[in-house]
N, C-alpha and C. Protein backbone atom coordinates (compact mmCIF):
# COMPACT_ATOMS: atom_id res chain seq x y z
N MET A 1 103.73 -19.75 -93.02
CA MET A 1 104.40 -19.49 -91.77
C MET A 1 103.40 -19.51 -90.61
N LYS A 2 102.18 -18.99 -90.86
CA LYS A 2 101.17 -18.94 -89.82
C LYS A 2 100.74 -20.35 -89.41
N LYS A 3 100.65 -21.28 -90.40
CA LYS A 3 100.26 -22.66 -90.10
C LYS A 3 101.33 -23.36 -89.26
N VAL A 4 102.60 -23.06 -89.52
CA VAL A 4 103.67 -23.65 -88.74
C VAL A 4 103.60 -23.16 -87.30
N PHE A 5 103.35 -21.85 -87.13
CA PHE A 5 103.21 -21.30 -85.78
C PHE A 5 102.04 -21.93 -85.04
N LEU A 6 100.90 -22.10 -85.72
CA LEU A 6 99.74 -22.72 -85.09
C LEU A 6 100.01 -24.18 -84.73
N LEU A 7 100.76 -24.88 -85.59
CA LEU A 7 101.10 -26.27 -85.29
C LEU A 7 102.02 -26.33 -84.07
N LEU A 8 103.01 -25.47 -84.02
CA LEU A 8 103.91 -25.45 -82.87
C LEU A 8 103.17 -25.08 -81.59
N LYS A 9 102.25 -24.14 -81.71
CA LYS A 9 101.46 -23.73 -80.55
C LYS A 9 100.57 -24.86 -80.07
N SER A 10 100.07 -25.68 -80.99
CA SER A 10 99.18 -26.76 -80.59
C SER A 10 99.93 -27.93 -79.95
N ILE A 11 101.18 -28.15 -80.32
CA ILE A 11 101.93 -29.25 -79.72
C ILE A 11 102.85 -28.78 -78.59
N PHE A 12 102.83 -27.49 -78.28
CA PHE A 12 103.68 -26.93 -77.23
C PHE A 12 103.51 -27.63 -75.88
N PRO A 13 102.27 -27.82 -75.38
CA PRO A 13 102.15 -28.48 -74.06
C PRO A 13 102.68 -29.90 -74.06
N LEU A 14 102.50 -30.61 -75.16
CA LEU A 14 102.99 -31.98 -75.25
C LEU A 14 104.52 -32.01 -75.21
N LEU A 15 105.15 -31.13 -75.98
CA LEU A 15 106.61 -31.07 -75.99
C LEU A 15 107.17 -30.67 -74.63
N MET A 16 106.55 -29.68 -74.00
CA MET A 16 107.02 -29.25 -72.69
C MET A 16 106.81 -30.34 -71.65
N SER A 17 105.72 -31.07 -71.74
CA SER A 17 105.47 -32.16 -70.79
C SER A 17 106.54 -33.24 -70.91
N PHE A 18 106.88 -33.61 -72.15
CA PHE A 18 107.96 -34.59 -72.33
C PHE A 18 109.29 -34.06 -71.81
N LEU A 19 109.55 -32.79 -72.04
CA LEU A 19 110.78 -32.19 -71.54
C LEU A 19 110.83 -32.26 -70.02
N PHE A 20 109.74 -31.89 -69.36
CA PHE A 20 109.72 -31.90 -67.90
C PHE A 20 109.85 -33.31 -67.34
N ILE A 21 109.28 -34.28 -68.02
CA ILE A 21 109.36 -35.66 -67.54
C ILE A 21 110.79 -36.17 -67.59
N PHE A 22 111.54 -35.81 -68.62
CA PHE A 22 112.88 -36.37 -68.79
C PHE A 22 113.99 -35.58 -68.09
N ILE A 23 113.71 -34.38 -67.63
CA ILE A 23 114.72 -33.62 -66.89
C ILE A 23 114.85 -34.20 -65.48
N LYS A 24 116.09 -34.46 -65.07
CA LYS A 24 116.33 -35.05 -63.75
C LYS A 24 116.89 -34.04 -62.75
N SER A 25 117.28 -32.88 -63.21
CA SER A 25 117.91 -31.89 -62.34
C SER A 25 116.87 -31.05 -61.62
N PRO A 26 116.88 -31.03 -60.27
CA PRO A 26 115.91 -30.21 -59.55
C PRO A 26 116.14 -28.71 -59.77
N GLN A 27 117.38 -28.32 -60.04
CA GLN A 27 117.66 -26.90 -60.27
C GLN A 27 117.02 -26.41 -61.57
N ILE A 28 117.14 -27.20 -62.62
CA ILE A 28 116.55 -26.82 -63.92
C ILE A 28 115.02 -26.80 -63.81
N LEU A 29 114.47 -27.80 -63.14
CA LEU A 29 113.01 -27.83 -62.97
C LEU A 29 112.52 -26.65 -62.14
N THR A 30 113.26 -26.29 -61.11
CA THR A 30 112.90 -25.13 -60.30
C THR A 30 112.99 -23.85 -61.12
N PHE A 31 114.00 -23.75 -61.99
CA PHE A 31 114.11 -22.59 -62.87
C PHE A 31 112.89 -22.48 -63.78
N PHE A 32 112.48 -23.61 -64.38
CA PHE A 32 111.29 -23.60 -65.24
C PHE A 32 110.04 -23.22 -64.45
N PHE A 33 109.95 -23.71 -63.20
CA PHE A 33 108.81 -23.38 -62.37
C PHE A 33 108.75 -21.88 -62.10
N CYS A 34 109.89 -21.28 -61.75
CA CYS A 34 109.93 -19.83 -61.49
C CYS A 34 109.57 -19.05 -62.76
N LEU A 35 110.09 -19.47 -63.89
CA LEU A 35 109.80 -18.80 -65.16
C LEU A 35 108.31 -18.89 -65.49
N LEU A 36 107.74 -20.05 -65.31
CA LEU A 36 106.31 -20.24 -65.58
C LEU A 36 105.45 -19.46 -64.60
N LEU A 37 105.87 -19.41 -63.35
CA LEU A 37 105.13 -18.64 -62.36
C LEU A 37 105.15 -17.15 -62.69
N ILE A 38 106.27 -16.65 -63.16
CA ILE A 38 106.35 -15.24 -63.58
C ILE A 38 105.42 -14.98 -64.75
N LEU A 39 105.41 -15.90 -65.72
CA LEU A 39 104.51 -15.74 -66.87
C LEU A 39 103.05 -15.73 -66.42
N LEU A 40 102.71 -16.56 -65.46
CA LEU A 40 101.33 -16.63 -65.00
C LEU A 40 100.95 -15.44 -64.12
N ILE A 41 101.89 -14.88 -63.40
CA ILE A 41 101.61 -13.72 -62.56
C ILE A 41 101.35 -12.49 -63.41
N ILE A 42 101.93 -12.44 -64.60
CA ILE A 42 101.71 -11.32 -65.52
C ILE A 42 100.24 -11.22 -65.92
N PHE A 43 99.56 -12.37 -66.04
CA PHE A 43 98.15 -12.36 -66.42
C PHE A 43 97.32 -11.77 -65.29
N PRO A 44 96.27 -11.02 -65.63
CA PRO A 44 95.52 -10.30 -64.60
C PRO A 44 94.68 -11.17 -63.68
N ASN A 45 94.32 -12.37 -64.07
CA ASN A 45 93.41 -13.19 -63.28
C ASN A 45 94.21 -14.14 -62.37
N LYS A 46 94.61 -13.65 -61.21
CA LYS A 46 95.40 -14.45 -60.28
C LYS A 46 94.53 -15.35 -59.42
N LYS A 47 93.23 -15.09 -59.38
CA LYS A 47 92.32 -15.91 -58.58
C LYS A 47 92.31 -17.35 -59.09
N ASN A 48 92.26 -17.52 -60.39
CA ASN A 48 92.28 -18.86 -60.97
C ASN A 48 93.61 -19.55 -60.73
N LEU A 49 94.70 -18.78 -60.72
CA LEU A 49 96.02 -19.35 -60.46
C LEU A 49 96.08 -19.89 -59.04
N ASN A 50 95.53 -19.14 -58.09
CA ASN A 50 95.49 -19.62 -56.71
C ASN A 50 94.66 -20.89 -56.59
N ARG A 51 93.52 -20.93 -57.29
CA ARG A 51 92.70 -22.14 -57.27
C ARG A 51 93.41 -23.31 -57.93
N ARG A 52 94.26 -23.03 -58.90
CA ARG A 52 95.00 -24.09 -59.57
C ARG A 52 96.14 -24.61 -58.70
N LEU A 53 96.79 -23.71 -57.95
CA LEU A 53 97.93 -24.10 -57.13
C LEU A 53 97.54 -24.85 -55.86
N LYS A 54 96.40 -24.53 -55.31
CA LYS A 54 95.99 -25.11 -54.03
C LYS A 54 95.93 -26.65 -54.08
N PRO A 55 95.21 -27.27 -55.04
CA PRO A 55 95.22 -28.74 -55.07
C PRO A 55 96.58 -29.32 -55.42
N LEU A 56 97.39 -28.57 -56.18
CA LEU A 56 98.72 -29.06 -56.51
C LEU A 56 99.60 -29.12 -55.27
N ILE A 57 99.48 -28.13 -54.40
CA ILE A 57 100.26 -28.13 -53.16
C ILE A 57 99.81 -29.27 -52.25
N ILE A 58 98.50 -29.51 -52.19
CA ILE A 58 97.99 -30.64 -51.41
C ILE A 58 98.52 -31.96 -51.97
N THR A 59 98.58 -32.07 -53.30
CA THR A 59 99.13 -33.26 -53.94
C THR A 59 100.60 -33.43 -53.58
N GLY A 60 101.35 -32.33 -53.59
CA GLY A 60 102.77 -32.39 -53.23
C GLY A 60 102.98 -32.84 -51.80
N ILE A 61 102.17 -32.36 -50.88
CA ILE A 61 102.27 -32.78 -49.48
C ILE A 61 101.93 -34.26 -49.35
N PHE A 62 100.92 -34.70 -50.09
CA PHE A 62 100.54 -36.11 -50.08
C PHE A 62 101.68 -36.98 -50.60
N ILE A 63 102.32 -36.57 -51.70
CA ILE A 63 103.45 -37.31 -52.26
C ILE A 63 104.58 -37.39 -51.24
N LEU A 64 104.88 -36.29 -50.59
CA LEU A 64 105.94 -36.25 -49.58
C LEU A 64 105.64 -37.21 -48.43
N ILE A 65 104.42 -37.19 -47.94
CA ILE A 65 104.06 -38.07 -46.82
C ILE A 65 104.17 -39.54 -47.24
N ILE A 66 103.68 -39.87 -48.42
CA ILE A 66 103.75 -41.25 -48.91
C ILE A 66 105.21 -41.69 -49.02
N GLN A 67 106.07 -40.83 -49.55
CA GLN A 67 107.49 -41.17 -49.69
C GLN A 67 108.15 -41.37 -48.33
N LEU A 68 107.84 -40.50 -47.38
CA LEU A 68 108.47 -40.60 -46.07
C LEU A 68 108.00 -41.84 -45.30
N ILE A 69 106.75 -42.21 -45.48
CA ILE A 69 106.22 -43.34 -44.72
C ILE A 69 106.55 -44.68 -45.37
N PHE A 70 106.33 -44.79 -46.69
CA PHE A 70 106.38 -46.11 -47.32
C PHE A 70 107.68 -46.43 -48.05
N ASN A 71 108.52 -45.50 -48.32
CA ASN A 71 109.75 -45.77 -49.05
C ASN A 71 110.92 -45.80 -48.07
N GLN A 72 110.98 -46.85 -47.28
CA GLN A 72 112.01 -46.96 -46.25
C GLN A 72 113.33 -47.51 -46.79
N SER A 73 113.38 -47.92 -48.04
CA SER A 73 114.61 -48.50 -48.59
C SER A 73 115.68 -47.45 -48.89
N GLN A 74 115.30 -46.19 -48.98
CA GLN A 74 116.26 -45.11 -49.26
C GLN A 74 116.42 -44.23 -48.03
N ASN A 75 117.53 -43.47 -48.03
CA ASN A 75 117.71 -42.55 -46.91
C ASN A 75 116.77 -41.35 -47.08
N ILE A 76 116.64 -40.56 -46.04
CA ILE A 76 115.65 -39.48 -46.01
C ILE A 76 115.92 -38.42 -47.08
N LYS A 77 117.20 -38.15 -47.34
CA LYS A 77 117.56 -37.13 -48.34
C LYS A 77 117.08 -37.56 -49.74
N ASP A 78 117.29 -38.83 -50.08
CA ASP A 78 116.85 -39.31 -51.39
C ASP A 78 115.33 -39.34 -51.51
N ARG A 79 114.65 -39.67 -50.42
CA ARG A 79 113.18 -39.66 -50.44
C ARG A 79 112.64 -38.26 -50.63
N LEU A 80 113.24 -37.29 -49.94
CA LEU A 80 112.81 -35.90 -50.10
C LEU A 80 113.08 -35.39 -51.52
N LEU A 81 114.25 -35.74 -52.06
CA LEU A 81 114.58 -35.32 -53.42
C LEU A 81 113.62 -35.94 -54.43
N PHE A 82 113.35 -37.23 -54.28
CA PHE A 82 112.44 -37.90 -55.20
C PHE A 82 111.03 -37.30 -55.13
N SER A 83 110.54 -37.06 -53.91
CA SER A 83 109.19 -36.49 -53.79
C SER A 83 109.15 -35.07 -54.36
N TYR A 84 110.24 -34.30 -54.20
CA TYR A 84 110.28 -32.96 -54.79
C TYR A 84 110.26 -33.05 -56.31
N LEU A 85 111.03 -33.97 -56.89
CA LEU A 85 111.06 -34.11 -58.35
C LEU A 85 109.69 -34.49 -58.90
N VAL A 86 109.04 -35.43 -58.26
CA VAL A 86 107.70 -35.83 -58.72
C VAL A 86 106.73 -34.67 -58.60
N PHE A 87 106.77 -34.00 -57.47
CA PHE A 87 105.86 -32.87 -57.23
C PHE A 87 106.10 -31.75 -58.24
N ILE A 88 107.34 -31.35 -58.46
CA ILE A 88 107.62 -30.22 -59.36
C ILE A 88 107.27 -30.57 -60.80
N LYS A 89 107.43 -31.83 -61.18
CA LYS A 89 107.04 -32.23 -62.54
C LYS A 89 105.53 -32.16 -62.73
N ILE A 90 104.77 -32.61 -61.74
CA ILE A 90 103.31 -32.52 -61.82
C ILE A 90 102.87 -31.06 -61.90
N VAL A 91 103.48 -30.22 -61.07
CA VAL A 91 103.13 -28.80 -61.06
C VAL A 91 103.48 -28.15 -62.39
N LEU A 92 104.66 -28.45 -62.92
CA LEU A 92 105.08 -27.85 -64.19
C LEU A 92 104.16 -28.25 -65.34
N ILE A 93 103.80 -29.52 -65.42
CA ILE A 93 102.91 -29.96 -66.50
C ILE A 93 101.54 -29.32 -66.35
N SER A 94 101.02 -29.28 -65.14
CA SER A 94 99.71 -28.68 -64.92
C SER A 94 99.72 -27.18 -65.24
N LEU A 95 100.74 -26.46 -64.77
CA LEU A 95 100.79 -25.02 -65.02
C LEU A 95 101.08 -24.70 -66.48
N THR A 96 101.83 -25.56 -67.16
CA THR A 96 102.07 -25.34 -68.60
C THR A 96 100.75 -25.45 -69.37
N ILE A 97 99.97 -26.45 -69.06
CA ILE A 97 98.67 -26.61 -69.74
C ILE A 97 97.75 -25.45 -69.38
N TYR A 98 97.79 -25.03 -68.11
CA TYR A 98 96.96 -23.89 -67.69
C TYR A 98 97.37 -22.62 -68.45
N TRP A 99 98.66 -22.36 -68.55
CA TRP A 99 99.14 -21.18 -69.27
C TRP A 99 98.76 -21.27 -70.74
N TRP A 100 98.88 -22.45 -71.32
CA TRP A 100 98.54 -22.64 -72.73
C TRP A 100 97.07 -22.37 -72.97
N THR A 101 96.20 -22.80 -72.05
CA THR A 101 94.78 -22.53 -72.23
C THR A 101 94.45 -21.05 -72.01
N LEU A 102 95.29 -20.35 -71.24
CA LEU A 102 95.07 -18.91 -71.09
C LEU A 102 95.39 -18.15 -72.38
N ILE A 103 96.38 -18.59 -73.12
CA ILE A 103 96.79 -17.85 -74.31
C ILE A 103 96.15 -18.37 -75.59
N THR A 104 95.39 -19.46 -75.49
CA THR A 104 94.76 -20.05 -76.67
C THR A 104 93.26 -20.18 -76.42
N SER A 105 92.46 -19.62 -77.30
CA SER A 105 91.01 -19.71 -77.14
C SER A 105 90.53 -21.10 -77.57
N PRO A 106 89.39 -21.54 -77.04
CA PRO A 106 88.87 -22.86 -77.44
C PRO A 106 88.59 -22.96 -78.93
N SER A 107 88.15 -21.87 -79.56
CA SER A 107 87.88 -21.94 -81.00
C SER A 107 89.17 -22.15 -81.79
N LYS A 108 90.27 -21.55 -81.33
CA LYS A 108 91.56 -21.77 -82.00
C LYS A 108 92.03 -23.21 -81.79
N LEU A 109 91.79 -23.74 -80.59
CA LEU A 109 92.17 -25.13 -80.34
C LEU A 109 91.44 -26.08 -81.28
N ILE A 110 90.15 -25.85 -81.45
CA ILE A 110 89.35 -26.71 -82.33
C ILE A 110 89.78 -26.54 -83.78
N SER A 111 90.06 -25.30 -84.19
CA SER A 111 90.47 -25.09 -85.58
C SER A 111 91.83 -25.73 -85.87
N GLN A 112 92.67 -25.85 -84.84
CA GLN A 112 93.97 -26.50 -85.03
C GLN A 112 93.83 -28.02 -85.13
N MET A 113 92.69 -28.53 -84.74
CA MET A 113 92.45 -29.97 -84.80
C MET A 113 91.71 -30.35 -86.07
N GLY A 114 91.92 -29.63 -87.15
CA GLY A 114 91.22 -29.85 -88.41
C GLY A 114 91.46 -31.21 -89.02
N PHE A 115 92.53 -31.88 -88.64
CA PHE A 115 92.84 -33.19 -89.20
C PHE A 115 91.98 -34.31 -88.59
N LEU A 116 91.28 -34.00 -87.50
CA LEU A 116 90.43 -35.00 -86.85
C LEU A 116 89.09 -35.14 -87.56
N PRO A 117 88.42 -36.28 -87.41
CA PRO A 117 87.08 -36.43 -88.00
C PRO A 117 86.09 -35.45 -87.35
N LYS A 118 85.00 -35.16 -88.07
CA LYS A 118 84.02 -34.18 -87.59
C LYS A 118 83.40 -34.58 -86.26
N ASN A 119 83.16 -35.86 -86.05
CA ASN A 119 82.56 -36.29 -84.79
C ASN A 119 83.48 -36.01 -83.61
N ILE A 120 84.75 -36.23 -83.79
CA ILE A 120 85.72 -35.98 -82.71
C ILE A 120 85.83 -34.47 -82.45
N ARG A 121 85.83 -33.68 -83.50
CA ARG A 121 85.90 -32.22 -83.32
C ARG A 121 84.66 -31.72 -82.60
N LEU A 122 83.48 -32.28 -82.92
CA LEU A 122 82.27 -31.90 -82.22
C LEU A 122 82.38 -32.27 -80.74
N LEU A 123 82.90 -33.44 -80.46
CA LEU A 123 83.07 -33.87 -79.08
C LEU A 123 84.02 -32.92 -78.33
N LEU A 124 85.13 -32.55 -78.95
CA LEU A 124 86.06 -31.61 -78.31
C LEU A 124 85.43 -30.24 -78.10
N THR A 125 84.67 -29.78 -79.08
CA THR A 125 84.01 -28.48 -78.95
C THR A 125 83.03 -28.49 -77.79
N MET A 126 82.22 -29.54 -77.71
CA MET A 126 81.26 -29.62 -76.60
C MET A 126 81.98 -29.71 -75.26
N THR A 127 83.09 -30.42 -75.21
CA THR A 127 83.84 -30.52 -73.97
C THR A 127 84.41 -29.18 -73.55
N PHE A 128 85.04 -28.47 -74.49
CA PHE A 128 85.64 -27.18 -74.16
C PHE A 128 84.60 -26.17 -73.67
N TYR A 129 83.43 -26.22 -74.25
CA TYR A 129 82.41 -25.26 -73.88
C TYR A 129 81.56 -25.70 -72.67
N SER A 130 81.59 -26.99 -72.32
CA SER A 130 80.79 -27.42 -71.18
C SER A 130 81.57 -27.39 -69.86
N VAL A 131 82.89 -27.44 -69.91
CA VAL A 131 83.67 -27.43 -68.67
C VAL A 131 83.44 -26.16 -67.86
N PRO A 132 83.50 -24.96 -68.44
CA PRO A 132 83.21 -23.78 -67.62
C PRO A 132 81.79 -23.77 -67.06
N THR A 133 80.83 -24.31 -67.81
CA THR A 133 79.46 -24.39 -67.32
C THR A 133 79.37 -25.32 -66.12
N ILE A 134 80.05 -26.44 -66.19
CA ILE A 134 80.03 -27.39 -65.08
C ILE A 134 80.71 -26.79 -63.85
N ILE A 135 81.79 -26.07 -64.04
CA ILE A 135 82.47 -25.41 -62.92
C ILE A 135 81.55 -24.37 -62.30
N TYR A 136 80.86 -23.60 -63.13
CA TYR A 136 79.93 -22.60 -62.62
C TYR A 136 78.79 -23.26 -61.84
N GLU A 137 78.24 -24.35 -62.38
CA GLU A 137 77.17 -25.05 -61.68
C GLU A 137 77.65 -25.67 -60.38
N ALA A 138 78.89 -26.16 -60.36
CA ALA A 138 79.44 -26.72 -59.11
C ALA A 138 79.55 -25.64 -58.05
N THR A 139 79.95 -24.43 -58.46
CA THR A 139 80.03 -23.32 -57.52
C THR A 139 78.64 -22.97 -56.99
N GLN A 140 77.65 -22.94 -57.88
CA GLN A 140 76.28 -22.62 -57.44
C GLN A 140 75.73 -23.69 -56.50
N ILE A 141 75.95 -24.94 -56.81
CA ILE A 141 75.48 -26.03 -55.94
C ILE A 141 76.18 -25.96 -54.59
N SER A 142 77.48 -25.70 -54.62
CA SER A 142 78.23 -25.60 -53.37
C SER A 142 77.72 -24.45 -52.51
N ASN A 143 77.46 -23.32 -53.14
CA ASN A 143 76.92 -22.17 -52.39
C ASN A 143 75.53 -22.48 -51.82
N ALA A 144 74.70 -23.18 -52.59
CA ALA A 144 73.37 -23.55 -52.10
C ALA A 144 73.48 -24.52 -50.93
N GLN A 145 74.41 -25.46 -51.03
CA GLN A 145 74.59 -26.42 -49.94
C GLN A 145 75.15 -25.74 -48.69
N LYS A 146 76.04 -24.78 -48.89
CA LYS A 146 76.59 -24.04 -47.74
C LYS A 146 75.51 -23.21 -47.06
N SER A 147 74.58 -22.66 -47.86
CA SER A 147 73.50 -21.87 -47.26
C SER A 147 72.56 -22.76 -46.43
N ARG A 148 72.55 -24.04 -46.73
CA ARG A 148 71.76 -24.99 -45.94
C ARG A 148 72.54 -25.56 -44.77
N GLY A 149 73.81 -25.15 -44.65
CA GLY A 149 74.62 -25.60 -43.52
C GLY A 149 75.47 -26.82 -43.80
N LEU A 150 75.60 -27.23 -45.04
CA LEU A 150 76.42 -28.39 -45.39
C LEU A 150 77.79 -27.94 -45.87
N ASN A 151 78.82 -28.61 -45.42
CA ASN A 151 80.16 -28.35 -45.92
C ASN A 151 80.46 -29.44 -46.95
N THR A 152 80.42 -29.09 -48.22
CA THR A 152 80.41 -30.09 -49.28
C THR A 152 81.76 -30.75 -49.55
N PHE A 153 82.84 -30.17 -49.13
CA PHE A 153 84.12 -30.75 -49.50
C PHE A 153 84.80 -31.52 -48.39
N THR A 154 84.59 -31.17 -47.14
CA THR A 154 85.33 -31.85 -46.09
C THR A 154 84.60 -33.07 -45.55
N ASN A 155 83.33 -32.94 -45.23
CA ASN A 155 82.62 -34.06 -44.61
C ASN A 155 82.11 -35.06 -45.63
N ASN A 156 81.34 -34.58 -46.59
CA ASN A 156 80.67 -35.48 -47.52
C ASN A 156 80.54 -34.79 -48.88
N PRO A 157 81.23 -35.28 -49.91
CA PRO A 157 81.13 -34.63 -51.22
C PRO A 157 79.85 -34.98 -51.99
N LEU A 158 79.08 -35.93 -51.52
CA LEU A 158 77.89 -36.36 -52.26
C LEU A 158 76.86 -35.25 -52.48
N PRO A 159 76.63 -34.33 -51.51
CA PRO A 159 75.68 -33.25 -51.80
C PRO A 159 76.10 -32.34 -52.95
N LEU A 160 77.35 -32.39 -53.34
CA LEU A 160 77.82 -31.63 -54.50
C LEU A 160 77.83 -32.50 -55.75
N ILE A 161 78.32 -33.71 -55.62
CA ILE A 161 78.54 -34.58 -56.78
C ILE A 161 77.22 -35.03 -57.41
N ILE A 162 76.27 -35.44 -56.59
CA ILE A 162 75.02 -35.99 -57.14
C ILE A 162 74.23 -34.95 -57.93
N PRO A 163 73.98 -33.74 -57.40
CA PRO A 163 73.27 -32.75 -58.23
C PRO A 163 74.08 -32.32 -59.46
N LEU A 164 75.39 -32.28 -59.31
CA LEU A 164 76.22 -31.89 -60.45
C LEU A 164 76.14 -32.93 -61.57
N LEU A 165 76.21 -34.19 -61.22
CA LEU A 165 76.06 -35.25 -62.23
C LEU A 165 74.67 -35.22 -62.85
N HIS A 166 73.65 -34.99 -62.04
CA HIS A 166 72.29 -34.92 -62.57
C HIS A 166 72.17 -33.80 -63.59
N ARG A 167 72.68 -32.62 -63.25
CA ARG A 167 72.61 -31.48 -64.18
C ARG A 167 73.43 -31.74 -65.44
N ALA A 168 74.60 -32.35 -65.28
CA ALA A 168 75.45 -32.63 -66.45
C ALA A 168 74.79 -33.63 -67.38
N PHE A 169 74.18 -34.68 -66.81
CA PHE A 169 73.50 -35.67 -67.65
C PHE A 169 72.27 -35.08 -68.34
N LYS A 170 71.53 -34.24 -67.63
CA LYS A 170 70.37 -33.59 -68.25
C LYS A 170 70.80 -32.69 -69.40
N ARG A 171 71.86 -31.91 -69.17
CA ARG A 171 72.37 -31.02 -70.21
C ARG A 171 72.87 -31.83 -71.41
N SER A 172 73.56 -32.93 -71.16
CA SER A 172 74.05 -33.79 -72.25
C SER A 172 72.92 -34.42 -73.03
N GLU A 173 71.88 -34.85 -72.33
CA GLU A 173 70.73 -35.45 -73.00
C GLU A 173 70.03 -34.43 -73.90
N THR A 174 69.83 -33.23 -73.38
CA THR A 174 69.20 -32.17 -74.18
C THR A 174 70.04 -31.84 -75.40
N LEU A 175 71.35 -31.76 -75.20
CA LEU A 175 72.25 -31.45 -76.30
C LEU A 175 72.25 -32.56 -77.35
N SER A 176 72.22 -33.81 -76.91
CA SER A 176 72.21 -34.91 -77.88
C SER A 176 70.91 -34.93 -78.68
N PHE A 177 69.79 -34.64 -78.02
CA PHE A 177 68.52 -34.57 -78.76
C PHE A 177 68.56 -33.44 -79.78
N THR A 178 69.11 -32.31 -79.39
CA THR A 178 69.21 -31.16 -80.30
C THR A 178 70.07 -31.49 -81.51
N ILE A 179 71.21 -32.09 -81.26
CA ILE A 179 72.12 -32.43 -82.36
C ILE A 179 71.49 -33.46 -83.29
N GLU A 180 70.85 -34.45 -82.70
CA GLU A 180 70.21 -35.49 -83.50
C GLU A 180 69.04 -34.94 -84.31
N SER A 181 68.26 -34.01 -83.74
CA SER A 181 67.13 -33.44 -84.45
C SER A 181 67.56 -32.58 -85.63
N ARG A 182 68.78 -32.10 -85.57
CA ARG A 182 69.30 -31.31 -86.69
C ARG A 182 70.01 -32.16 -87.74
N GLY A 183 69.99 -33.47 -87.56
CA GLY A 183 70.50 -34.38 -88.58
C GLY A 183 72.00 -34.56 -88.56
N PHE A 184 72.65 -34.35 -87.42
CA PHE A 184 74.11 -34.49 -87.39
C PHE A 184 74.54 -35.94 -87.55
N HIS A 185 73.73 -36.90 -87.12
CA HIS A 185 74.12 -38.32 -87.20
C HIS A 185 74.27 -38.79 -88.64
N HIS A 186 73.76 -38.02 -89.61
CA HIS A 186 73.88 -38.39 -91.01
C HIS A 186 75.17 -37.89 -91.65
N ILE A 187 75.91 -37.04 -90.95
CA ILE A 187 77.14 -36.51 -91.52
C ILE A 187 78.26 -37.52 -91.32
N LYS A 188 78.96 -37.78 -92.37
CA LYS A 188 80.10 -38.72 -92.31
C LYS A 188 81.39 -37.99 -92.58
């Protein structure tokens, strides 16, 4: 029974994503959005939720503007409805995956992927554990650039991207040397 629950938990985001893609009713999608928002508000870390919602809202505004400007073949009501449906589906899929990662630890995710080859599981493990490190380093680089008077996101993102890529490549190189020195390339 526990294995069935773990399997359902591992395919939950995929099933919900397909469900959200095929639902055409804005009322049902809005209901799911409200339900998911309530589930996410229950969790104590609302700061990450705000950081997650901010780019999604910008994406929604961008979709709306594109629809209003370039889709002149439909009336305004249909354009607004279409842009809302696209926006709410993107938000629902993103928040579903975010909620799933909140309730599932990376080690459980990797253990649920036992059917994959060892090399792929190692790749997933390194990815899950390096993403928070990269986010932390991006915050540190951004703070250092701000202390020098640079605004890294509005004017020019290169002062953030270039050092971040350099650090990520250095970390990856060190990790690959470590793994290779321990003889992992011989495991089949």
